[in-house]
Amino acid sequence: MKKIIILPPFISPLAPDLIAKVEKASGDYDVVDYTQTDYTVDDLRSAEIIFGWSSKVEEALGQENQIKWIQVWMAGIDQLPLDKIAENGTYLTTASGANATIIAQQIMAMMLIQARRFDQKIANQSQHVWEFPEGMTEITNKKVLLLGTGNIGRVLTKYLTGFDMTVIGVNTTGHDVDFLSETHAIADYLDIVDEVDYLVNALPLTEATRNLIDADCFLAMSEDAFYINFGRGKTTDQDALVQALQDGEIAGAMLDVFADEPLDPKNPLWDMDNVIISPHSAGQSDYYNPRVIDIFLENFQEYTKNGQVNRNCVDYNKGY
């Protein structure tokens, strides 16, 4: 019997109705649910499809196995042993897109919190202080540079343009993207970063993007601009960011990801009035697991027809 093994999601438990949805679509595959019970490396070696990831999956890949396809619960795969998975001849598909809506909504929330000074209003409420915060403004007509033009960028652009904001994008080659009127190659982003009010980082972590956002970037940005990172923490030189904030080179930052997580309690970012911190939770939502299941089932239909997967399939040469 061909086997699909389901491992625990990393955000929240998998509801029984979602497991049942996979079982209903599984055809002649046996679906084995290990979301609540322990399992061994030998269990994983005998599966053709693994839905999830753990260190035991990596062990299984290092031995004789039947694993042809791994669907992970997360969008980012920079922590996975891509060389080993590729060497095994295994497809790897991600959850990219499952968190796009909620991340885009959180980016909008962060922008509005800062612009309308809700951070100060909430602090005032806790102290029973009736006071108009200084610096209240709007995001109307502001310009955004989006680093990464994938799923998050598509949803975010729809929201931003609804607030009469202008969005331009940066991707690897500068190729056109249907939801953006203007795109640039990532190699040229420093030439345009001084024009924008918000720099939004949605980049994956690869060798090409590691510490891409550095001191030169912050120096080139307007002193009134904000840096927003919801991509990967290590795409940013965090020490350079701290220095830029301390020196007033940029107006502030809104951060969901960090170079090292959890963020050290002694890190100066915690105590900066112009920084909003979120504990790598922007993608968390009760909608997340159902969306990943849908991604898997879309690919599973294609896989059972021709042995291939199309959506969110990792290109091992690119690293994402």
Protein backbone atom coordinates (compact mmCIF):
# COMPACT_ATOMS: atom_id res chain seq x y z
CA MET A 1 0.00 0.00 0.00
CA LYS A 2 1.31 3.46 -0.93
CA LYS A 3 1.51 5.70 2.10
CA ILE A 4 1.00 9.36 3.04
CA ILE A 5 2.27 10.26 6.50
CA ILE A 6 0.96 13.43 8.18
CA LEU A 7 3.18 15.04 10.84
CA PRO A 8 2.16 17.77 13.29
CA PRO A 9 1.79 21.35 12.00
CA PHE A 10 4.08 23.91 13.60
CA ILE A 11 1.44 26.56 14.40
CA SER A 12 -1.64 24.79 15.81
CA PRO A 13 -3.03 21.25 16.04
CA LEU A 14 -4.57 19.78 12.92
CA ALA A 15 -8.35 19.51 13.17
CA PRO A 16 -9.82 16.04 12.54
CA ASP A 17 -11.95 17.34 9.66
CA LEU A 18 -8.77 18.38 7.80
CA ILE A 19 -7.26 14.92 8.21
CA ALA A 20 -10.54 13.50 6.95
CA LYS A 21 -10.31 15.82 3.93
CA VAL A 22 -6.93 14.32 3.01
CA GLU A 23 -8.24 10.79 3.57
CA LYS A 24 -11.23 11.43 1.30
CA ALA A 25 -8.94 12.58 -1.53
CA SER A 26 -6.23 9.96 -0.98
CA GLY A 27 -7.49 7.34 -3.45
CA ASP A 28 -5.37 4.19 -3.15
CA TYR A 29 -2.96 5.83 -0.67
CA ASP A 30 -3.06 4.89 2.98
CA VAL A 31 -3.11 8.04 5.16
CA VAL A 32 -1.25 7.62 8.45
CA ASP A 33 -1.88 10.31 11.06
CA TYR A 34 1.11 10.96 13.33
CA THR A 35 -0.04 14.40 14.48
CA GLN A 36 -0.87 13.09 17.95
CA THR A 37 1.32 10.00 18.28
CA ASP A 38 5.01 9.21 18.18
CA TYR A 39 6.68 7.69 15.13
CA THR A 40 10.04 6.26 14.14
CA VAL A 41 12.52 6.86 11.36
CA ASP A 42 11.53 3.47 9.94
CA ASP A 43 7.91 4.61 9.76
CA LEU A 44 8.98 7.59 7.65
CA ARG A 45 11.29 5.60 5.38
CA SER A 46 8.36 3.51 4.18
CA ALA A 47 6.22 6.51 3.13
CA GLU A 48 6.02 7.79 -0.42
CA ILE A 49 4.67 11.18 0.69
CA ILE A 50 5.43 13.00 3.95
CA PHE A 51 3.28 15.95 4.97
CA GLY A 52 5.37 17.85 7.52
CA TRP A 53 8.93 17.97 8.76
CA SER A 54 11.04 16.88 11.72
CA SER A 55 14.62 15.86 12.39
CA LYS A 56 13.51 12.25 11.88
CA VAL A 57 12.63 13.05 8.27
CA GLU A 58 16.22 14.12 7.72
CA GLU A 59 17.40 10.84 9.28
CA ALA A 60 15.08 8.89 7.01
CA LEU A 61 16.47 10.65 3.94
CA GLY A 62 19.95 9.48 4.93
CA GLN A 63 18.88 5.84 4.77
CA GLU A 64 17.22 3.69 2.14
CA ASN A 65 13.72 5.10 1.73
CA GLN A 66 10.62 5.41 -0.45
CA ILE A 67 10.17 9.18 -0.01
CA LYS A 68 9.29 10.88 -3.28
CA TRP A 69 7.58 14.06 -2.06
CA ILE A 70 7.70 16.17 1.09
CA GLN A 71 5.10 18.88 1.72
CA VAL A 72 6.15 21.09 4.64
CA TRP A 73 3.87 23.17 6.83
CA MET A 74 5.97 26.33 6.54
CA ALA A 75 6.73 28.79 3.76
CA GLY A 76 10.41 29.31 4.60
CA ILE A 77 12.78 26.40 4.05
CA ASP A 78 16.17 28.00 4.77
CA GLN A 79 16.58 25.70 7.81
CA LEU A 80 16.07 22.50 5.81
CA PRO A 81 18.86 20.32 4.35
CA LEU A 82 18.04 21.12 0.73
CA ASP A 83 21.12 19.32 -0.63
CA LYS A 84 20.11 16.08 1.09
CA ILE A 85 16.49 16.32 -0.11
CA ALA A 86 17.63 17.06 -3.67
CA GLU A 87 20.15 14.22 -3.59
CA ASN A 88 17.32 11.87 -2.62
CA GLY A 89 15.43 12.91 -5.79
CA THR A 90 12.51 14.09 -3.66
CA TYR A 91 10.09 16.86 -4.51
CA LEU A 92 9.80 19.54 -1.81
CA THR A 93 6.76 21.81 -1.71
CA THR A 94 6.14 24.64 0.73
CA ALA A 95 3.17 26.38 2.31
CA SER A 96 3.93 29.62 0.49
CA GLY A 97 0.76 31.64 0.08
CA ALA A 98 -1.07 30.13 3.05
CA ASN A 99 0.07 33.01 5.24
CA ALA A 100 -0.02 35.77 2.60
CA THR A 101 -3.35 37.26 3.64
CA ILE A 102 -2.67 37.44 7.36
CA ILE A 103 0.88 38.75 6.91
CA ALA A 104 -0.40 41.45 4.57
CA GLN A 105 -3.06 42.34 7.12
CA GLN A 106 -0.48 42.57 9.90
CA ILE A 107 1.74 44.82 7.79
CA MET A 108 -1.26 47.10 7.26
CA ALA A 109 -1.99 47.00 10.99
CA MET A 110 1.58 48.00 11.84
CA MET A 111 1.48 50.90 9.38
CA LEU A 112 -1.82 52.16 10.80
CA ILE A 113 -0.73 51.70 14.42
CA GLN A 114 2.30 53.89 13.77
CA ALA A 115 0.55 56.49 11.60
CA ARG A 116 -2.37 56.91 14.01
CA ARG A 117 -0.09 56.49 17.07
CA PHE A 118 -2.15 53.70 18.58
CA ASP A 119 0.96 52.52 20.38
CA GLN A 120 0.89 55.75 22.38
CA LYS A 121 -2.89 55.72 22.73
CA ILE A 122 -2.84 52.22 24.24
CA ALA A 123 0.00 53.24 26.58
CA ASN A 124 -2.02 56.32 27.61
CA GLN A 125 -5.11 54.19 28.23
CA SER A 126 -3.19 51.92 30.60
CA GLN A 127 -2.23 55.04 32.60
CA HIS A 128 -5.71 56.65 32.33
CA VAL A 129 -4.20 59.60 30.44
CA TRP A 130 -6.42 61.69 28.13
CA GLU A 131 -3.91 63.13 25.67
CA PHE A 132 -3.59 63.58 21.93
CA PRO A 133 -0.39 61.81 20.76
CA GLU A 134 1.97 63.91 18.68
CA GLY A 135 2.77 63.07 15.07
CA MET A 136 -0.52 61.54 13.99
CA THR A 137 -0.69 61.29 10.22
CA GLU A 138 -2.13 59.18 7.39
CA ILE A 139 -0.71 56.58 5.05
CA THR A 140 -2.55 58.18 2.14
CA ASN A 141 -0.40 58.74 -0.97
CA LYS A 142 2.69 57.23 0.66
CA LYS A 143 5.11 55.21 -1.49
CA VAL A 144 6.16 51.63 -0.74
CA LEU A 145 9.11 49.63 -2.06
CA LEU A 146 8.33 45.93 -1.88
CA LEU A 147 11.35 43.60 -1.72
CA GLY A 148 9.98 40.33 -3.06
CA THR A 149 7.00 40.18 -5.40
CA GLY A 150 5.47 36.83 -4.48
CA ASN A 151 2.24 35.85 -2.75
CA ILE A 152 2.53 38.31 0.14
CA GLY A 153 3.31 41.12 -2.27
CA ARG A 154 0.23 40.40 -4.35
CA VAL A 155 -2.17 40.58 -1.40
CA LEU A 156 -0.38 43.51 0.24
CA THR A 157 -0.44 45.56 -2.96
CA LYS A 158 -4.22 45.13 -3.17
CA TYR A 159 -4.55 46.48 0.37
CA LEU A 160 -2.07 49.31 -0.07
CA THR A 161 -3.59 50.62 -3.28
CA GLY A 162 -6.94 50.65 -1.48
CA PHE A 163 -5.40 53.33 0.77
CA ASP A 164 -4.23 55.29 -2.30
CA MET A 165 -0.62 54.26 -1.75
CA THR A 166 1.90 53.69 -4.56
CA VAL A 167 3.71 50.35 -4.64
CA ILE A 168 6.81 49.47 -6.63
CA GLY A 169 8.54 46.11 -6.52
CA VAL A 170 11.95 44.50 -6.54
CA ASN A 171 12.65 40.93 -7.61
CA THR A 172 15.66 38.95 -8.79
CA THR A 173 15.73 40.15 -12.40
CA GLY A 174 13.36 43.11 -12.44
CA HIS A 175 10.85 41.12 -14.50
CA ASP A 176 7.33 42.49 -14.84
CA VAL A 177 4.71 41.42 -12.31
CA ASP A 178 1.05 41.71 -13.24
CA PHE A 179 -0.08 43.46 -10.04
CA LEU A 180 2.70 46.08 -10.09
CA SER A 181 3.16 48.90 -12.58
CA GLU A 182 6.90 49.18 -11.87
CA THR A 183 9.55 46.62 -10.95
CA HIS A 184 13.33 46.71 -10.61
CA ALA A 185 16.13 44.19 -10.30
CA ILE A 186 17.26 43.52 -6.76
CA ALA A 187 20.81 44.55 -7.70
CA ASP A 188 19.49 48.08 -8.31
CA TYR A 189 17.32 48.55 -5.23
CA LEU A 190 19.68 51.03 -3.56
CA ASP A 191 19.14 53.40 -6.49
CA ILE A 192 15.44 53.80 -5.64
CA VAL A 193 15.20 53.21 -1.90
CA ASP A 194 15.55 56.94 -1.17
CA GLU A 195 12.24 57.60 -2.95
CA VAL A 196 9.97 55.62 -0.63
CA ASP A 197 8.20 56.07 2.68
CA TYR A 198 8.18 52.36 3.54
CA LEU A 199 10.67 49.63 2.67
CA VAL A 200 8.88 46.27 3.07
CA ASN A 201 11.07 43.16 3.13
CA ALA A 202 9.38 39.90 2.10
CA LEU A 203 12.51 38.17 0.81
CA PRO A 204 13.43 34.52 1.38
CA LEU A 205 16.81 33.80 2.95
CA THR A 206 19.38 32.64 0.43
CA GLU A 207 23.09 33.28 0.07
CA ALA A 208 22.18 36.14 -2.27
CA THR A 209 19.87 37.82 0.26
CA ARG A 210 21.79 37.25 3.50
CA ASN A 211 22.46 40.68 5.09
CA LEU A 212 21.29 42.33 1.87
CA ILE A 213 19.64 45.09 3.91
CA ASP A 214 22.68 46.73 5.43
CA ALA A 215 24.16 50.03 6.55
CA ASP A 216 24.31 51.31 2.95
CA CYS A 217 20.59 50.71 2.59
CA PHE A 218 19.65 52.57 5.77
CA LEU A 219 21.96 55.44 4.87
CA ALA A 220 20.30 55.69 1.45
CA MET A 221 16.78 55.71 2.89
CA SER A 222 14.93 58.90 3.76
CA GLU A 223 15.11 59.95 7.41
CA ASP A 224 11.29 59.88 7.38
CA ALA A 225 11.05 56.32 6.03
CA PHE A 226 10.18 53.13 7.90
CA TYR A 227 11.68 49.67 7.52
CA ILE A 228 9.29 46.69 7.75
CA ASN A 229 10.60 43.11 7.83
CA PHE A 230 8.26 40.13 7.58
CA GLY A 231 10.55 37.99 5.40
CA ARG A 232 13.57 36.45 7.12
CA GLY A 233 15.60 37.99 9.93
CA LYS A 234 19.00 37.17 8.50
CA THR A 235 18.30 39.12 5.30
CA THR A 236 19.00 42.18 7.47
CA ASP A 237 22.22 43.28 9.14
CA GLN A 238 20.54 43.72 12.52
CA ASP A 239 23.43 45.63 14.10
CA ALA A 240 23.31 48.10 11.21
CA LEU A 241 19.56 48.47 11.73
CA VAL A 242 20.02 49.24 15.42
CA GLN A 243 22.69 51.79 14.59
CA ALA A 244 20.55 53.44 11.92
CA LEU A 245 17.64 53.76 14.36
CA GLN A 246 19.88 55.16 17.08
CA ASP A 247 21.42 57.67 14.65
CA GLY A 248 18.08 58.77 13.22
CA GLU A 249 18.94 57.61 9.70
CA ILE A 250 15.41 56.17 9.39
CA ALA A 251 12.18 57.05 11.19
CA GLY A 252 11.47 53.62 12.63
CA ALA A 253 11.03 49.91 12.09
CA MET A 254 8.26 47.31 12.29
CA LEU A 255 9.71 43.83 12.74
CA ASP A 256 8.29 40.32 12.88
CA VAL A 257 11.54 38.45 12.21
CA PHE A 258 15.03 38.76 13.65
CA ALA A 259 18.56 37.53 13.05
CA ASP A 260 18.37 35.34 16.17
CA GLU A 261 15.10 34.23 17.67
CA PRO A 262 13.77 34.70 20.23
CA LEU A 263 15.10 38.24 20.34
CA ASP A 264 17.54 38.68 23.22
CA PRO A 265 15.79 40.51 26.11
CA LYS A 266 18.83 42.82 26.26
CA ASN A 267 18.64 43.80 22.59
CA PRO A 268 18.20 47.60 22.29
CA LEU A 269 15.35 47.14 19.78
CA TRP A 270 13.02 46.31 22.68
CA ASP A 271 13.33 49.76 24.23
CA MET A 272 13.10 51.95 21.12
CA ASP A 273 9.98 54.08 20.92
CA ASN A 274 10.10 54.00 17.11
CA VAL A 275 10.15 50.20 16.85
CA ILE A 276 7.18 47.82 16.85
CA ILE A 277 8.09 44.20 17.63
CA SER A 278 6.07 41.11 16.78
CA PRO A 279 7.43 37.67 17.87
CA HIS A 280 7.57 36.00 14.42
CA SER A 281 3.82 35.51 14.60
CA ALA A 282 2.53 37.43 11.57
CA GLY A 283 1.63 34.23 9.74
CA GLN A 284 -0.37 32.73 12.59
CA SER A 285 -4.07 32.35 11.87
CA ASP A 286 -6.86 29.81 12.24
CA TYR A 287 -7.10 29.94 8.44
CA TYR A 288 -3.52 28.72 8.00
CA ASN A 289 -3.82 24.93 8.28
CA PRO A 290 -6.85 24.68 5.95
CA ARG A 291 -4.99 26.69 3.31
CA VAL A 292 -1.94 24.40 3.51
CA ILE A 293 -4.19 21.37 3.14
CA ASP A 294 -5.67 22.93 0.00
CA ILE A 295 -2.18 23.53 -1.42
CA PHE A 296 -1.28 19.91 -0.74
CA LEU A 297 -4.47 18.53 -2.31
CA GLU A 298 -4.03 20.69 -5.41
CA ASN A 299 -0.55 19.23 -5.85
CA PHE A 300 -1.70 15.73 -4.92
CA GLN A 301 -4.20 15.73 -7.76
CA GLU A 302 -1.41 16.61 -10.20
CA TYR A 303 0.98 14.12 -8.59
CA THR A 304 -1.42 11.20 -8.99
CA LYS A 305 -1.98 12.11 -12.64
CA ASN A 306 1.62 12.52 -13.84
CA GLY A 307 3.94 12.08 -10.87
CA GLN A 308 4.80 15.78 -10.63
CA VAL A 309 3.92 18.73 -8.42
CA ASN A 310 3.59 22.29 -9.68
CA ARG A 311 2.58 24.65 -6.90
CA ASN A 312 5.27 25.89 -4.48
CA CYS A 313 7.82 23.35 -5.70
CA VAL A 314 11.28 24.32 -4.44
CA ASP A 315 13.95 25.00 -7.03
CA TYR A 316 17.03 23.56 -5.35
CA ASN A 317 19.35 25.68 -7.48
CA LYS A 318 17.70 28.88 -6.27
CA GLY A 319 17.19 27.73 -2.70
CA TYR A 320 13.48 28.60 -2.60
